[in-house]
Amino acid sequence: MCRSIKTLREPFTPQVTDADIEAAALQYVRKISGFRAPAAHNAAAFEAAVAAVTEATRTLLDQLVVRGGGSGAAEQPATVATGRG
């Protein structure tokens, strides 16, 4: 397990930024590839994997329903703060 990847869903992290998602994706790809930084001939595959994991994580967080939150709502979708203007 990647110990440096934090939980990115409510209630553990109330507001998740794109930077949080990208950092988790990078850590995941580093862990499974065994490379902290890829060689030049693997850079494109490494970057594509980080982008794919980032998008999959964003989709997952957008679709998760957190139950029993403190807001009193029975079901509430998790939200991702994009940090985009």
Foldseek 3Di string as FASTA:
>chain_A
DQPPQDDDWPPRNQEAELVSLLVNLLSVLCVVVVHNADDPVCNVVSVVSSVVSSVVVQVVQQPDWDAPDPPPDRTDRGDYHHPDD
